[in-house]
Amino acid sequence: MTLHVRSVAVKRLPESLDAKHGRLFFSELEACMNVDRPLIVLDCSQVKQMDTSAIHFLLCCLEEAMKRNGDVKLTSISKGSKAILDLNGVGRLFEMFDTNAEAVASFRRASVSAGGQTPALSNRQHIAENAA
């Protein structure tokens, strides 16, 4: 049995994710996204306010990763930010972890349990398509 271990990109979100900062950060993230099955962990520890621009940014990241059969996971989300995500129906689209290490490990577990394949995301894809 051959196990292919793909790399996981861990990126810390900036404190502010308004439209300007979101575009700049997304352009930096593109290199991680432009691969087959991108695995992205977004560290939200510095995010002070989860507003509509930040939510839009997170959804764009997830959409781009899913187009390439990848996934995005969030870490270090404040209780307030998680409540905002849940209130807007977006929280259910993301797996959230306390630490970057837990999120990275979850990709490894999923890869091993799926025999090296990314688990089917069809339910999340359906939810994401309907949320758009």
C-alpha atoms as a PDB file:
ATOM      1  CA  MET A   1       0.000   0.000   0.000  1.00  0.00           C
ATOM      2  CA  THR A   2       1.384   3.383  -0.995  1.00  0.00           C
ATOM      3  CA  LEU A   3       0.506   6.327   1.203  1.00  0.00           C
ATOM      4  CA  HIS A   4       0.889   9.739  -0.381  1.00  0.00           C
ATOM      5  CA  VAL A   5       1.247  12.450   2.228  1.00  0.00           C
ATOM      6  CA  ARG A   6       0.335  15.818   0.815  1.00  0.00           C
ATOM      7  CA  SER A   7       1.487  19.014   2.421  1.00  0.00           C
ATOM      8  CA  VAL A   8      -0.834  21.122   4.499  1.00  0.00           C
ATOM      9  CA  ALA A   9      -0.504  24.900   4.260  1.00  0.00           C
ATOM     10  CA  VAL A  10      -1.020  26.761   7.529  1.00  0.00           C
ATOM     11  CA  LYS A  11      -1.695  30.479   7.154  1.00  0.00           C
ATOM     12  CA  ARG A  12      -2.427  33.032   9.869  1.00  0.00           C
ATOM     13  CA  LEU A  13      -5.213  35.407   8.926  1.00  0.00           C
ATOM     14  CA  PRO A  14      -4.544  39.108   9.424  1.00  0.00           C
ATOM     15  CA  GLU A  15      -6.221  41.042  12.197  1.00  0.00           C
ATOM     16  CA  SER A  16      -8.486  42.784   9.708  1.00  0.00           C
ATOM     17  CA  LEU A  17     -10.150  41.062   6.775  1.00  0.00           C
ATOM     18  CA  ASP A  18     -11.862  43.965   5.084  1.00  0.00           C
ATOM     19  CA  ALA A  19     -12.100  43.861   1.298  1.00  0.00           C
ATOM     20  CA  LYS A  20      -8.599  45.292   0.744  1.00  0.00           C
ATOM     21  CA  HIS A  21      -6.811  43.070   3.269  1.00  0.00           C
ATOM     22  CA  GLY A  22      -8.817  40.046   2.134  1.00  0.00           C
ATOM     23  CA  ARG A  23      -7.745  40.503  -1.492  1.00  0.00           C
ATOM     24  CA  LEU A  24      -4.099  40.927  -0.491  1.00  0.00           C
ATOM     25  CA  PHE A  25      -4.166  37.840   1.710  1.00  0.00           C
ATOM     26  CA  PHE A  26      -5.996  35.808  -0.932  1.00  0.00           C
ATOM     27  CA  SER A  27      -3.341  36.681  -3.525  1.00  0.00           C
ATOM     28  CA  GLU A  28      -0.708  35.351  -1.080  1.00  0.00           C
ATOM     29  CA  LEU A  29      -2.802  32.227  -0.562  1.00  0.00           C
ATOM     30  CA  GLU A  30      -3.151  31.514  -4.294  1.00  0.00           C
ATOM     31  CA  ALA A  31       0.158  29.655  -4.450  1.00  0.00           C
ATOM     32  CA  CYS A  32      -1.182  27.194  -1.863  1.00  0.00           C
ATOM     33  CA  MET A  33      -4.503  26.937  -3.697  1.00  0.00           C
ATOM     34  CA  ASN A  34      -3.158  26.303  -7.193  1.00  0.00           C
ATOM     35  CA  VAL A  35      -2.365  22.647  -6.556  1.00  0.00           C
ATOM     36  CA  ASP A  36      -4.359  19.444  -6.827  1.00  0.00           C
ATOM     37  CA  ARG A  37      -6.322  18.896  -3.606  1.00  0.00           C
ATOM     38  CA  PRO A  38      -5.108  21.878  -1.560  1.00  0.00           C
ATOM     39  CA  LEU A  39      -5.190  21.344   2.188  1.00  0.00           C
ATOM     40  CA  ILE A  40      -5.377  24.685   3.976  1.00  0.00           C
ATOM     41  CA  VAL A  41      -5.491  25.550   7.670  1.00  0.00           C
ATOM     42  CA  LEU A  42      -6.460  29.145   8.407  1.00  0.00           C
ATOM     43  CA  ASP A  43      -5.320  30.310  11.834  1.00  0.00           C
ATOM     44  CA  CYS A  44      -7.872  32.861  13.039  1.00  0.00           C
ATOM     45  CA  SER A  45      -6.113  33.739  16.305  1.00  0.00           C
ATOM     46  CA  GLN A  46      -5.417  37.329  15.214  1.00  0.00           C
ATOM     47  CA  VAL A  47      -8.894  38.050  13.799  1.00  0.00           C
ATOM     48  CA  LYS A  48     -10.533  40.661  15.997  1.00  0.00           C
ATOM     49  CA  GLN A  49     -13.878  40.958  14.237  1.00  0.00           C
ATOM     50  CA  MET A  50     -15.717  38.454  12.063  1.00  0.00           C
ATOM     51  CA  ASP A  51     -17.752  40.686   9.770  1.00  0.00           C
ATOM     52  CA  THR A  52     -19.351  40.109   6.362  1.00  0.00           C
ATOM     53  CA  SER A  53     -16.050  40.769   4.551  1.00  0.00           C
ATOM     54  CA  ALA A  54     -14.301  38.130   6.651  1.00  0.00           C
ATOM     55  CA  ILE A  55     -17.120  35.634   6.099  1.00  0.00           C
ATOM     56  CA  HIS A  56     -17.036  36.295   2.354  1.00  0.00           C
ATOM     57  CA  PHE A  57     -13.271  35.764   2.366  1.00  0.00           C
ATOM     58  CA  LEU A  58     -13.573  32.428   4.197  1.00  0.00           C
ATOM     59  CA  LEU A  59     -16.256  31.257   1.769  1.00  0.00           C
ATOM     60  CA  CYS A  60     -14.098  32.240  -1.221  1.00  0.00           C
ATOM     61  CA  CYS A  61     -11.189  30.250   0.221  1.00  0.00           C
ATOM     62  CA  LEU A  62     -13.387  27.205   0.780  1.00  0.00           C
ATOM     63  CA  GLU A  63     -14.901  27.482  -2.687  1.00  0.00           C
ATOM     64  CA  GLU A  64     -11.502  27.673  -4.391  1.00  0.00           C
ATOM     65  CA  ALA A  65     -10.175  24.716  -2.398  1.00  0.00           C
ATOM     66  CA  MET A  66     -13.270  22.624  -3.119  1.00  0.00           C
ATOM     67  CA  LYS A  67     -13.007  23.356  -6.851  1.00  0.00           C
ATOM     68  CA  ARG A  68      -9.684  21.527  -6.645  1.00  0.00           C
ATOM     69  CA  ASN A  69     -11.000  18.709  -4.390  1.00  0.00           C
ATOM     70  CA  GLY A  70      -9.305  20.250  -1.363  1.00  0.00           C
ATOM     71  CA  ASP A  71     -10.480  21.567   1.977  1.00  0.00           C
ATOM     72  CA  VAL A  72     -10.066  24.472   4.376  1.00  0.00           C
ATOM     73  CA  LYS A  73     -10.128  24.110   8.150  1.00  0.00           C
ATOM     74  CA  LEU A  74     -10.163  26.875  10.746  1.00  0.00           C
ATOM     75  CA  THR A  75      -8.277  27.128  14.020  1.00  0.00           C
ATOM     76  CA  SER A  76      -8.196  29.383  17.060  1.00  0.00           C
ATOM     77  CA  ILE A  77     -11.636  30.874  16.450  1.00  0.00           C
ATOM     78  CA  SER A  78     -12.862  33.133  19.240  1.00  0.00           C
ATOM     79  CA  LYS A  79     -16.255  32.315  20.744  1.00  0.00           C
ATOM     80  CA  GLY A  80     -17.640  35.561  19.340  1.00  0.00           C
ATOM     81  CA  SER A  81     -16.395  34.819  15.829  1.00  0.00           C
ATOM     82  CA  LYS A  82     -17.747  31.281  15.985  1.00  0.00           C
ATOM     83  CA  ALA A  83     -21.130  32.644  17.063  1.00  0.00           C
ATOM     84  CA  ILE A  84     -21.124  35.043  14.087  1.00  0.00           C
ATOM     85  CA  LEU A  85     -20.259  32.206  11.700  1.00  0.00           C
ATOM     86  CA  ASP A  86     -23.009  30.023  13.168  1.00  0.00           C
ATOM     87  CA  LEU A  87     -25.532  32.862  13.103  1.00  0.00           C
ATOM     88  CA  ASN A  88     -24.873  33.337   9.389  1.00  0.00           C
ATOM     89  CA  GLY A  89     -25.134  29.600   8.672  1.00  0.00           C
ATOM     90  CA  VAL A  90     -21.468  29.410   7.700  1.00  0.00           C
ATOM     91  CA  GLY A  91     -20.092  27.618  10.760  1.00  0.00           C
ATOM     92  CA  ARG A  92     -21.376  24.246   9.575  1.00  0.00           C
ATOM     93  CA  LEU A  93     -19.278  24.493   6.404  1.00  0.00           C
ATOM     94  CA  PHE A  94     -15.954  24.480   8.250  1.00  0.00           C
ATOM     95  CA  GLU A  95     -14.274  22.066  10.588  1.00  0.00           C
ATOM     96  CA  MET A  96     -12.882  24.101  13.483  1.00  0.00           C
ATOM     97  CA  PHE A  97     -10.053  23.168  15.802  1.00  0.00           C
ATOM     98  CA  ASP A  98      -8.375  24.715  18.824  1.00  0.00           C
ATOM     99  CA  THR A  99      -4.844  24.410  17.443  1.00  0.00           C
ATOM    100  CA  ASN A 100      -3.069  24.260  14.101  1.00  0.00           C
ATOM    101  CA  ALA A 101      -1.566  20.893  15.035  1.00  0.00           C
ATOM    102  CA  GLU A 102      -5.032  19.377  15.587  1.00  0.00           C
ATOM    103  CA  ALA A 103      -6.227  20.645  12.209  1.00  0.00           C
ATOM    104  CA  VAL A 104      -3.147  19.363  10.384  1.00  0.00           C
ATOM    105  CA  ALA A 105      -3.498  15.992  12.136  1.00  0.00           C
ATOM    106  CA  SER A 106      -7.152  15.789  11.061  1.00  0.00           C
ATOM    107  CA  PHE A 107      -6.047  15.963   7.411  1.00  0.00           C
ATOM    108  CA  ARG A 108      -3.603  13.134   8.053  1.00  0.00           C
ATOM    109  CA  ARG A 109      -6.284  10.993   9.750  1.00  0.00           C
ATOM    110  CA  ALA A 110      -8.751  11.642   6.925  1.00  0.00           C
ATOM    111  CA  SER A 111      -6.148  10.707   4.321  1.00  0.00           C
ATOM    112  CA  VAL A 112      -5.265   7.446   6.057  1.00  0.00           C
ATOM    113  CA  SER A 113      -8.878   6.443   6.709  1.00  0.00           C
ATOM    114  CA  ALA A 114      -9.790   7.160   3.078  1.00  0.00           C
ATOM    115  CA  GLY A 115      -6.870   5.111   1.780  1.00  0.00           C
ATOM    116  CA  GLY A 116      -4.976   8.165   0.616  1.00  0.00           C
ATOM    117  CA  GLN A 117      -8.040   9.798  -0.925  1.00  0.00           C
ATOM    118  CA  THR A 118      -9.726  12.927   0.402  1.00  0.00           C
ATOM    119  CA  PRO A 119     -13.075  11.933   1.936  1.00  0.00           C
ATOM    120  CA  ALA A 120     -16.160  12.816  -0.080  1.00  0.00           C
ATOM    121  CA  LEU A 121     -17.294  16.349   0.575  1.00  0.00           C
ATOM    122  CA  SER A 122     -20.573  16.038  -1.315  1.00  0.00           C
ATOM    123  CA  ASN A 123     -22.760  17.066   1.627  1.00  0.00           C
ATOM    124  CA  ARG A 124     -20.621  20.142   2.341  1.00  0.00           C
ATOM    125  CA  GLN A 125     -20.488  20.945  -1.378  1.00  0.00           C
ATOM    126  CA  HIS A 126     -24.283  20.834  -1.518  1.00  0.00           C
ATOM    127  CA  ILE A 127     -24.552  23.117   1.521  1.00  0.00           C
ATOM    128  CA  ALA A 128     -21.963  25.515   0.068  1.00  0.00           C
ATOM    129  CA  GLU A 129     -23.727  25.676  -3.283  1.00  0.00           C
ATOM    130  CA  ASN A 130     -27.041  26.465  -1.607  1.00  0.00           C
ATOM    131  CA  ALA A 131     -25.472  29.088   0.678  1.00  0.00           C
ATOM    132  CA  ALA A 132     -24.050  31.003  -2.296  1.00  0.00           C
END
